[in-house]
Amino acid sequence: MKQILKHSFEAVSLLTTNNGMLDVTIVPAVDQPDWIIPSSLILSVEACSEHTWNYEWQQQEVAVFHLLPRHQTPEKMIILEGNTTAHRIALQTAGELRQLQARISDVKDVELPEHFIKPNGNIDTVYERVQEDVVLSYLFQAVMIEDTFYLVPDLDKIAHQLVDLDS
């Protein structure tokens, strides 16, 4: 079995040539801060109103991560680039995506507000498996921009787990 080489995206590689500016997309999420992801990772945004675990995109089966509860009707499927084509993932959500260009100095690392941590959840707990209903299991960092909390997801961890579960 061939070992998968993991790659982690570094913040410096996400900077644009505009003097330390980040081009990011704000993705709406339910029961957690909206996600903030590099705009350059978005391959496609497509209408999709059916809750699904896999999505067919350009003749490729892409694993889906949900940013809303199962009882809520989704509106969009956001296809994200992965470390390899096999590690592409899709985010299923509802609501409008927003583009934002922020100075890296305006992005402040913060602690995740307590009300986003599930009861019995512990900020010091190490979650080896991603669980859609446990924010701490896929949280890379909570950040604040202009007094608004955002979640920076560990996309690498999510992608590797979804692909490994699908295999």
N, C-alpha and C. Protein backbone atom coordinates (compact mmCIF):
# COMPACT_ATOMS: atom_id res chain seq x y z
N MET A 1 0.85 -1.18 0.00
CA MET A 1 0.00 0.00 0.00
C MET A 1 0.88 1.23 0.00
N LYS A 2 0.61 2.15 -0.89
CA LYS A 2 1.40 3.36 -1.02
C LYS A 2 0.99 4.36 0.07
N GLN A 3 1.99 4.89 0.75
CA GLN A 3 1.70 5.85 1.82
C GLN A 3 1.30 7.20 1.21
N ILE A 4 0.28 7.82 1.80
CA ILE A 4 -0.18 9.11 1.35
C ILE A 4 0.70 10.17 1.98
N LEU A 5 1.29 11.01 1.16
CA LEU A 5 2.10 12.10 1.69
C LEU A 5 1.17 13.24 2.06
N LYS A 6 1.20 13.60 3.33
CA LYS A 6 0.35 14.69 3.79
C LYS A 6 1.07 16.01 3.54
N HIS A 7 0.31 16.97 3.15
CA HIS A 7 0.84 18.32 2.93
C HIS A 7 -0.03 19.25 3.74
N SER A 8 0.59 20.17 4.43
CA SER A 8 -0.24 21.14 5.14
C SER A 8 -0.03 22.50 4.50
N PHE A 9 -1.12 23.20 4.32
CA PHE A 9 -1.06 24.51 3.71
C PHE A 9 -0.49 25.48 4.72
N GLU A 10 0.48 26.27 4.31
CA GLU A 10 1.08 27.25 5.20
C GLU A 10 0.50 28.62 4.90
N ALA A 11 0.27 29.38 5.97
CA ALA A 11 -0.35 30.70 5.80
C ALA A 11 0.42 31.57 4.83
N VAL A 12 1.75 31.49 4.84
CA VAL A 12 2.55 32.32 3.96
C VAL A 12 2.22 32.04 2.50
N SER A 13 1.93 30.80 2.16
CA SER A 13 1.63 30.47 0.77
C SER A 13 0.26 30.99 0.35
N LEU A 14 -0.55 31.44 1.29
CA LEU A 14 -1.88 31.94 0.97
C LEU A 14 -1.89 33.46 0.81
N LEU A 15 -0.76 34.11 1.07
CA LEU A 15 -0.68 35.55 0.92
C LEU A 15 -0.66 35.92 -0.55
N THR A 16 -1.30 37.01 -0.85
CA THR A 16 -1.25 37.51 -2.22
C THR A 16 -0.09 38.50 -2.33
N THR A 17 0.12 39.01 -3.50
CA THR A 17 1.19 39.98 -3.70
C THR A 17 0.78 41.38 -3.25
N ASN A 18 -0.41 41.51 -2.72
CA ASN A 18 -0.91 42.82 -2.30
C ASN A 18 -0.52 43.15 -0.86
N ASN A 19 0.77 43.14 -0.58
CA ASN A 19 1.28 43.55 0.73
C ASN A 19 0.64 42.81 1.90
N GLY A 20 0.76 41.52 1.91
CA GLY A 20 0.29 40.74 3.05
C GLY A 20 -1.21 40.65 3.18
N MET A 21 -1.90 40.60 2.07
CA MET A 21 -3.35 40.49 2.10
C MET A 21 -3.75 39.03 1.88
N LEU A 22 -4.80 38.62 2.57
CA LEU A 22 -5.35 37.29 2.39
C LEU A 22 -6.64 37.40 1.59
N ASP A 23 -6.76 36.61 0.54
CA ASP A 23 -8.02 36.51 -0.20
C ASP A 23 -8.74 35.29 0.34
N VAL A 24 -9.82 35.53 1.07
CA VAL A 24 -10.54 34.44 1.72
C VAL A 24 -12.01 34.49 1.36
N THR A 25 -12.65 33.36 1.56
CA THR A 25 -14.09 33.25 1.37
C THR A 25 -14.70 32.85 2.70
N ILE A 26 -15.76 33.54 3.07
CA ILE A 26 -16.50 33.23 4.29
C ILE A 26 -17.63 32.28 3.90
N VAL A 27 -17.63 31.10 4.51
CA VAL A 27 -18.61 30.07 4.21
C VAL A 27 -19.56 29.95 5.40
N PRO A 28 -20.87 30.14 5.18
CA PRO A 28 -21.81 30.07 6.30
C PRO A 28 -21.88 28.66 6.91
N ALA A 29 -21.95 28.64 8.23
CA ALA A 29 -22.04 27.38 8.98
C ALA A 29 -23.10 27.55 10.07
N VAL A 30 -23.70 26.46 10.48
CA VAL A 30 -24.75 26.47 11.50
C VAL A 30 -24.17 25.93 12.81
N ASP A 31 -24.53 26.57 13.93
CA ASP A 31 -24.11 26.17 15.28
C ASP A 31 -22.60 26.23 15.48
N GLN A 32 -21.93 27.10 14.76
CA GLN A 32 -20.50 27.32 14.89
C GLN A 32 -20.18 28.61 14.14
N PRO A 33 -18.98 29.15 14.35
CA PRO A 33 -18.64 30.34 13.56
C PRO A 33 -18.59 29.98 12.08
N ASP A 34 -18.87 30.97 11.23
CA ASP A 34 -18.70 30.75 9.79
C ASP A 34 -17.25 30.39 9.53
N TRP A 35 -17.04 29.58 8.49
CA TRP A 35 -15.69 29.15 8.13
C TRP A 35 -15.01 30.20 7.28
N ILE A 36 -13.72 30.29 7.41
CA ILE A 36 -12.92 31.17 6.58
C ILE A 36 -11.89 30.30 5.89
N ILE A 37 -11.92 30.30 4.55
CA ILE A 37 -11.00 29.45 3.79
C ILE A 37 -10.35 30.26 2.68
N PRO A 38 -9.16 29.88 2.27
CA PRO A 38 -8.52 30.59 1.15
C PRO A 38 -9.37 30.46 -0.11
N SER A 39 -9.65 31.57 -0.74
CA SER A 39 -10.48 31.57 -1.95
C SER A 39 -9.86 30.73 -3.06
N SER A 40 -8.53 30.66 -3.08
CA SER A 40 -7.85 29.91 -4.14
C SER A 40 -8.09 28.41 -4.06
N LEU A 41 -8.61 27.90 -2.94
CA LEU A 41 -8.89 26.47 -2.81
C LEU A 41 -10.24 26.09 -3.42
N ILE A 42 -11.09 27.07 -3.69
CA ILE A 42 -12.44 26.79 -4.21
C ILE A 42 -12.36 26.52 -5.70
N LEU A 43 -12.73 25.30 -6.08
CA LEU A 43 -12.74 24.91 -7.49
C LEU A 43 -14.08 25.21 -8.15
N SER A 44 -15.16 25.07 -7.36
CA SER A 44 -16.49 25.27 -7.92
C SER A 44 -17.51 25.45 -6.79
N VAL A 45 -18.56 26.21 -7.07
CA VAL A 45 -19.70 26.35 -6.17
C VAL A 45 -20.92 26.01 -7.00
N GLU A 46 -21.66 25.00 -6.55
CA GLU A 46 -22.80 24.52 -7.34
C GLU A 46 -24.05 24.44 -6.48
N ALA A 47 -25.19 24.65 -7.11
CA ALA A 47 -26.46 24.51 -6.41
C ALA A 47 -26.69 23.04 -6.10
N CYS A 48 -27.15 22.77 -4.89
CA CYS A 48 -27.43 21.39 -4.48
C CYS A 48 -28.37 21.44 -3.29
N SER A 49 -29.58 20.92 -3.44
CA SER A 49 -30.57 21.00 -2.37
C SER A 49 -30.84 19.65 -1.71
N GLU A 50 -30.02 18.67 -2.01
CA GLU A 50 -30.19 17.34 -1.43
C GLU A 50 -29.01 17.01 -0.52
N HIS A 51 -29.32 16.60 0.70
CA HIS A 51 -28.29 16.19 1.65
C HIS A 51 -27.63 14.90 1.12
N THR A 52 -26.32 14.93 0.96
CA THR A 52 -25.63 13.77 0.39
C THR A 52 -24.25 13.61 1.03
N TRP A 53 -23.72 12.40 0.99
CA TRP A 53 -22.40 12.12 1.56
C TRP A 53 -21.31 12.10 0.50
N ASN A 54 -21.71 11.96 -0.76
CA ASN A 54 -20.77 11.98 -1.88
C ASN A 54 -21.39 12.83 -2.98
N TYR A 55 -20.53 13.49 -3.73
CA TYR A 55 -21.00 14.37 -4.79
C TYR A 55 -20.20 14.10 -6.04
N GLU A 56 -20.89 13.96 -7.16
CA GLU A 56 -20.24 13.72 -8.44
C GLU A 56 -19.85 15.07 -9.04
N TRP A 57 -18.54 15.30 -9.17
CA TRP A 57 -18.05 16.55 -9.73
C TRP A 57 -17.00 16.23 -10.79
N GLN A 58 -17.25 16.65 -12.00
CA GLN A 58 -16.36 16.41 -13.14
C GLN A 58 -15.90 14.95 -13.19
N GLN A 59 -16.86 14.07 -13.14
CA GLN A 59 -16.65 12.62 -13.22
C GLN A 59 -15.78 12.08 -12.08
N GLN A 60 -15.78 12.78 -10.97
CA GLN A 60 -15.06 12.33 -9.78
C GLN A 60 -16.02 12.33 -8.60
N GLU A 61 -15.96 11.27 -7.82
CA GLU A 61 -16.75 11.16 -6.60
C GLU A 61 -16.00 11.92 -5.50
N VAL A 62 -16.65 12.94 -4.93
CA VAL A 62 -16.02 13.78 -3.92
C VAL A 62 -16.76 13.59 -2.60
N ALA A 63 -16.03 13.34 -1.52
CA ALA A 63 -16.63 13.19 -0.19
C ALA A 63 -17.13 14.54 0.30
N VAL A 64 -18.24 14.53 1.04
CA VAL A 64 -18.91 15.76 1.46
C VAL A 64 -18.85 15.91 2.98
N PHE A 65 -18.53 17.13 3.40
CA PHE A 65 -18.58 17.52 4.82
C PHE A 65 -19.71 18.54 4.95
N HIS A 66 -20.54 18.39 5.98
CA HIS A 66 -21.75 19.21 6.12
C HIS A 66 -21.58 20.31 7.15
N LEU A 67 -21.96 21.52 6.77
CA LEU A 67 -21.88 22.67 7.67
C LEU A 67 -23.25 23.08 8.20
N LEU A 68 -24.20 22.17 8.07
CA LEU A 68 -25.53 22.41 8.57
C LEU A 68 -26.13 21.07 8.99
N PRO A 69 -27.09 21.10 9.93
CA PRO A 69 -27.70 19.84 10.38
C PRO A 69 -28.50 19.17 9.27
N ARG A 70 -28.68 17.88 9.41
CA ARG A 70 -29.35 17.07 8.39
C ARG A 70 -30.77 17.54 8.10
N HIS A 71 -31.47 18.07 9.12
CA HIS A 71 -32.85 18.50 8.91
C HIS A 71 -32.97 19.83 8.15
N GLN A 72 -31.87 20.54 7.97
CA GLN A 72 -31.90 21.81 7.24
C GLN A 72 -31.56 21.56 5.77
N THR A 73 -32.33 22.17 4.88
CA THR A 73 -32.12 21.98 3.44
C THR A 73 -30.88 22.72 2.98
N PRO A 74 -29.93 21.98 2.37
CA PRO A 74 -28.74 22.65 1.85
C PRO A 74 -29.06 23.42 0.57
N GLU A 75 -28.16 24.35 0.23
CA GLU A 75 -28.33 25.13 -0.99
C GLU A 75 -27.12 25.03 -1.91
N LYS A 76 -25.95 24.79 -1.32
CA LYS A 76 -24.71 24.85 -2.10
C LYS A 76 -23.79 23.69 -1.80
N MET A 77 -23.02 23.36 -2.84
CA MET A 77 -21.93 22.40 -2.71
C MET A 77 -20.68 23.16 -3.13
N ILE A 78 -19.70 23.24 -2.24
CA ILE A 78 -18.46 23.96 -2.52
C ILE A 78 -17.36 22.93 -2.67
N ILE A 79 -16.79 22.82 -3.85
CA ILE A 79 -15.74 21.85 -4.12
C ILE A 79 -14.39 22.51 -3.82
N LEU A 80 -13.60 21.86 -2.95
CA LEU A 80 -12.30 22.40 -2.55
C LEU A 80 -11.17 21.54 -3.09
N GLU A 81 -10.12 22.19 -3.51
CA GLU A 81 -8.92 21.49 -3.96
C GLU A 81 -8.28 20.79 -2.76
N GLY A 82 -7.69 19.66 -3.03
CA GLY A 82 -6.99 18.91 -2.00
C GLY A 82 -5.53 18.78 -2.34
N ASN A 83 -4.80 18.06 -1.49
CA ASN A 83 -3.37 17.82 -1.75
C ASN A 83 -3.18 17.00 -3.01
N THR A 84 -4.16 16.15 -3.31
CA THR A 84 -4.18 15.37 -4.54
C THR A 84 -5.62 15.43 -5.05
N THR A 85 -5.86 14.99 -6.27
CA THR A 85 -7.24 15.00 -6.77
C THR A 85 -8.12 14.08 -5.92
N ALA A 86 -7.55 13.02 -5.39
CA ALA A 86 -8.33 12.11 -4.54
C ALA A 86 -8.73 12.76 -3.22
N HIS A 87 -8.01 13.79 -2.80
CA HIS A 87 -8.28 14.44 -1.52
C HIS A 87 -9.11 15.71 -1.65
N ARG A 88 -9.73 15.90 -2.81
CA ARG A 88 -10.67 16.99 -2.93
C ARG A 88 -11.88 16.67 -2.05
N ILE A 89 -12.45 17.69 -1.46
CA ILE A 89 -13.66 17.50 -0.66
C ILE A 89 -14.69 18.54 -1.06
N ALA A 90 -15.91 18.31 -0.64
CA ALA A 90 -16.99 19.27 -0.87
C ALA A 90 -17.56 19.68 0.48
N LEU A 91 -17.96 20.92 0.58
CA LEU A 91 -18.64 21.43 1.76
C LEU A 91 -20.08 21.70 1.36
N GLN A 92 -21.01 21.18 2.16
CA GLN A 92 -22.42 21.41 1.86
C GLN A 92 -22.95 22.42 2.88
N THR A 93 -23.56 23.49 2.37
CA THR A 93 -24.02 24.56 3.24
C THR A 93 -25.23 25.26 2.65
N ALA A 94 -25.73 26.24 3.36
CA ALA A 94 -26.82 27.09 2.89
C ALA A 94 -26.44 28.53 3.21
N GLY A 95 -26.86 29.45 2.37
CA GLY A 95 -26.54 30.85 2.60
C GLY A 95 -25.53 31.36 1.59
N GLU A 96 -25.26 32.63 1.67
CA GLU A 96 -24.38 33.28 0.70
C GLU A 96 -22.93 33.22 1.12
N LEU A 97 -22.06 32.92 0.17
CA LEU A 97 -20.63 33.01 0.39
C LEU A 97 -20.24 34.48 0.27
N ARG A 98 -19.24 34.87 1.05
CA ARG A 98 -18.75 36.26 0.96
C ARG A 98 -17.26 36.24 0.72
N GLN A 99 -16.82 37.11 -0.15
CA GLN A 99 -15.39 37.26 -0.42
C GLN A 99 -14.86 38.35 0.50
N LEU A 100 -13.65 38.16 0.98
CA LEU A 100 -13.05 39.14 1.87
C LEU A 100 -11.56 39.21 1.59
N GLN A 101 -11.04 40.40 1.55
CA GLN A 101 -9.61 40.57 1.45
C GLN A 101 -9.20 41.24 2.75
N ALA A 102 -8.37 40.54 3.53
CA ALA A 102 -8.00 41.05 4.85
C ALA A 102 -6.49 41.11 4.99
N ARG A 103 -6.04 42.13 5.68
CA ARG A 103 -4.61 42.19 6.01
C ARG A 103 -4.33 41.10 7.03
N ILE A 104 -3.21 40.45 6.85
CA ILE A 104 -2.87 39.39 7.80
C ILE A 104 -2.77 39.93 9.22
N SER A 105 -2.40 41.19 9.35
CA SER A 105 -2.30 41.80 10.69
C SER A 105 -3.67 42.06 11.32
N ASP A 106 -4.74 42.04 10.51
CA ASP A 106 -6.09 42.23 11.03
C ASP A 106 -6.75 40.93 11.47
N VAL A 107 -6.08 39.81 11.19
CA VAL A 107 -6.61 38.49 11.58
C VAL A 107 -6.00 38.12 12.92
N LYS A 108 -6.82 38.09 13.95
CA LYS A 108 -6.34 37.83 15.31
C LYS A 108 -6.72 36.41 15.74
N ASP A 109 -5.73 35.65 16.22
CA ASP A 109 -6.01 34.34 16.80
C ASP A 109 -6.76 34.54 18.11
N VAL A 110 -7.83 33.77 18.30
CA VAL A 110 -8.63 33.86 19.52
C VAL A 110 -9.00 32.46 19.97
N GLU A 111 -9.50 32.36 21.19
CA GLU A 111 -10.04 31.10 21.69
C GLU A 111 -11.46 30.94 21.15
N LEU A 112 -11.84 29.71 20.86
CA LEU A 112 -13.20 29.43 20.42
C LEU A 112 -14.16 29.78 21.56
N PRO A 113 -15.19 30.59 21.31
CA PRO A 113 -16.14 30.92 22.36
C PRO A 113 -16.78 29.65 22.94
N GLU A 114 -16.96 29.64 24.26
CA GLU A 114 -17.47 28.48 24.99
C GLU A 114 -18.77 27.92 24.43
N HIS A 115 -19.67 28.78 23.97
CA HIS A 115 -20.98 28.29 23.53
C HIS A 115 -20.90 27.45 22.26
N PHE A 116 -19.75 27.40 21.61
CA PHE A 116 -19.58 26.54 20.44
C PHE A 116 -19.02 25.17 20.82
N ILE A 117 -18.64 25.03 22.09
CA ILE A 117 -18.09 23.75 22.55
C ILE A 117 -19.24 22.94 23.12
N LYS A 118 -19.40 21.71 22.61
CA LYS A 118 -20.49 20.85 23.06
C LYS A 118 -20.37 20.56 24.55
N PRO A 119 -21.51 20.34 25.22
CA PRO A 119 -21.43 19.87 26.60
C PRO A 119 -20.60 18.58 26.62
N ASN A 120 -19.83 18.39 27.62
CA ASN A 120 -18.90 17.26 27.76
C ASN A 120 -17.68 17.42 26.86
N GLY A 121 -17.64 18.48 26.07
CA GLY A 121 -16.47 18.74 25.25
C GLY A 121 -15.40 19.40 26.10
N ASN A 122 -14.17 19.18 25.75
CA ASN A 122 -13.06 19.76 26.51
C ASN A 122 -12.06 20.30 25.52
N ILE A 123 -11.71 21.56 25.68
CA ILE A 123 -10.79 22.21 24.74
C ILE A 123 -9.44 21.50 24.71
N ASP A 124 -9.08 20.80 25.79
CA ASP A 124 -7.79 20.10 25.85
C ASP A 124 -7.87 18.68 25.29
N THR A 125 -9.06 18.23 24.94
CA THR A 125 -9.22 16.88 24.40
C THR A 125 -8.63 16.82 23.00
N VAL A 126 -7.89 15.76 22.74
CA VAL A 126 -7.35 15.55 21.40
C VAL A 126 -8.32 14.64 20.65
N TYR A 127 -8.87 15.16 19.57
CA TYR A 127 -9.81 14.40 18.76
C TYR A 127 -9.06 13.83 17.57
N GLU A 128 -8.93 12.52 17.53
CA GLU A 128 -8.24 11.90 16.41
C GLU A 128 -9.14 11.79 15.19
N ARG A 129 -10.43 11.65 15.39
CA ARG A 129 -11.39 11.52 14.29
C ARG A 129 -12.22 12.79 14.17
N VAL A 130 -12.47 13.21 12.95
CA VAL A 130 -13.33 14.35 12.70
C VAL A 130 -14.77 13.91 12.89
N GLN A 131 -15.52 14.71 13.64
CA GLN A 131 -16.94 14.48 13.85
C GLN A 131 -17.66 15.77 13.48
N GLU A 132 -18.57 15.71 12.54
CA GLU A 132 -19.23 16.92 12.06
C GLU A 132 -19.91 17.71 13.16
N ASP A 133 -20.40 17.04 14.19
CA ASP A 133 -21.10 17.75 15.26
C ASP A 133 -20.19 18.16 16.42
N VAL A 134 -18.87 17.97 16.28
CA VAL A 134 -17.91 18.37 17.33
C VAL A 134 -16.89 19.32 16.71
N VAL A 135 -17.13 20.61 16.88
CA VAL A 135 -16.28 21.63 16.27
C VAL A 135 -14.81 21.43 16.61
N LEU A 136 -14.53 21.06 17.85
CA LEU A 136 -13.13 20.90 18.27
C LEU A 136 -12.41 19.80 17.50
N SER A 137 -13.15 18.88 16.90
CA SER A 137 -12.50 17.77 16.19
C SER A 137 -11.91 18.19 14.84
N TYR A 138 -12.33 19.34 14.32
CA TYR A 138 -11.79 19.81 13.04
C TYR A 138 -11.35 21.27 13.09
N LEU A 139 -11.29 21.83 14.26
CA LEU A 139 -10.85 23.22 14.43
C LEU A 139 -9.33 23.31 14.27
N PHE A 140 -8.88 24.14 13.35
CA PHE A 140 -7.46 24.43 13.25
C PHE A 140 -7.16 25.64 14.12
N GLN A 141 -7.97 26.69 13.96
CA GLN A 141 -7.80 27.91 14.76
C GLN A 141 -9.07 28.74 14.68
N ALA A 142 -9.43 29.36 15.78
CA ALA A 142 -10.49 30.36 15.76
C ALA A 142 -9.80 31.71 15.57
N VAL A 143 -10.40 32.55 14.74
CA VAL A 143 -9.83 33.87 14.49
C VAL A 143 -10.93 34.92 14.58
N MET A 144 -10.49 36.17 14.75
CA MET A 144 -11.43 37.28 14.75
C MET A 144 -10.95 38.31 13.74
N ILE A 145 -11.89 38.77 12.92
CA ILE A 145 -11.63 39.85 11.98
C ILE A 145 -12.76 40.86 12.17
N GLU A 146 -12.38 42.09 12.48
CA GLU A 146 -13.37 43.16 12.69
C GLU A 146 -14.48 42.73 13.64
N ASP A 147 -14.11 42.21 14.80
CA ASP A 147 -15.03 41.81 15.87
C ASP A 147 -15.97 40.66 15.52
N THR A 148 -15.64 39.89 14.49
CA THR A 148 -16.44 38.72 14.13
C THR A 148 -15.58 37.47 14.24
N PHE A 149 -16.12 36.45 14.91
CA PHE A 149 -15.42 35.17 15.05
C PHE A 149 -15.56 34.37 13.76
N TYR A 150 -14.49 33.69 13.37
CA TYR A 150 -14.51 32.76 12.24
C TYR A 150 -13.75 31.51 12.65
N LEU A 151 -14.05 30.44 11.97
CA LEU A 151 -13.38 29.17 12.23
C LEU A 151 -12.48 28.85 11.04
N VAL A 152 -11.22 28.58 11.32
CA VAL A 152 -10.31 28.09 10.30
C VAL A 152 -10.29 26.58 10.47
N PRO A 153 -10.87 25.85 9.52
CA PRO A 153 -10.95 24.39 9.66
C PRO A 153 -9.63 23.72 9.31
N ASP A 154 -9.41 22.55 9.86
CA ASP A 154 -8.26 21.73 9.50
C ASP A 154 -8.67 20.92 8.26
N LEU A 155 -8.60 21.55 7.10
CA LEU A 155 -9.05 20.91 5.86
C LEU A 155 -8.24 19.68 5.54
N ASP A 156 -6.98 19.68 5.89
CA ASP A 156 -6.12 18.52 5.64
C ASP A 156 -6.63 17.31 6.43
N LYS A 157 -6.94 17.52 7.70
CA LYS A 157 -7.46 16.43 8.55
C LYS A 157 -8.81 15.93 8.04
N ILE A 158 -9.69 16.87 7.69
CA ILE A 158 -11.01 16.50 7.18
C ILE A 158 -10.87 15.68 5.90
N ALA A 159 -10.07 16.17 4.97
CA ALA A 159 -9.91 15.48 3.68
C ALA A 159 -9.33 14.09 3.86
N HIS A 160 -8.29 13.97 4.65
CA HIS A 160 -7.67 12.65 4.82
C HIS A 160 -8.62 11.68 5.49
N GLN A 161 -9.40 12.14 6.46
CA GLN A 161 -10.34 11.23 7.11
C GLN A 161 -11.47 10.84 6.15
N LEU A 162 -12.04 11.80 5.45
CA LEU A 162 -13.14 11.47 4.54
C LEU A 162 -12.69 10.52 3.44
N VAL A 163 -11.51 10.75 2.89
CA VAL A 163 -11.00 9.88 1.83
C VAL A 163 -10.69 8.50 2.39
N ASP A 164 -10.09 8.43 3.57
CA ASP A 164 -9.78 7.13 4.18
C ASP A 164 -11.05 6.36 4.51
N LEU A 165 -12.08 7.04 4.96
CA LEU A 165 -13.35 6.37 5.29
C LEU A 165 -14.02 5.87 4.02
N ASP A 166 -13.88 6.64 2.95
CA ASP A 166 -14.50 6.26 1.67
C ASP A 166 -13.81 5.08 1.00
N SER A 167 -12.53 4.93 1.26
CA SER A 167 -11.76 3.88 0.58
C SER A 167 -12.16 2.50 0.99
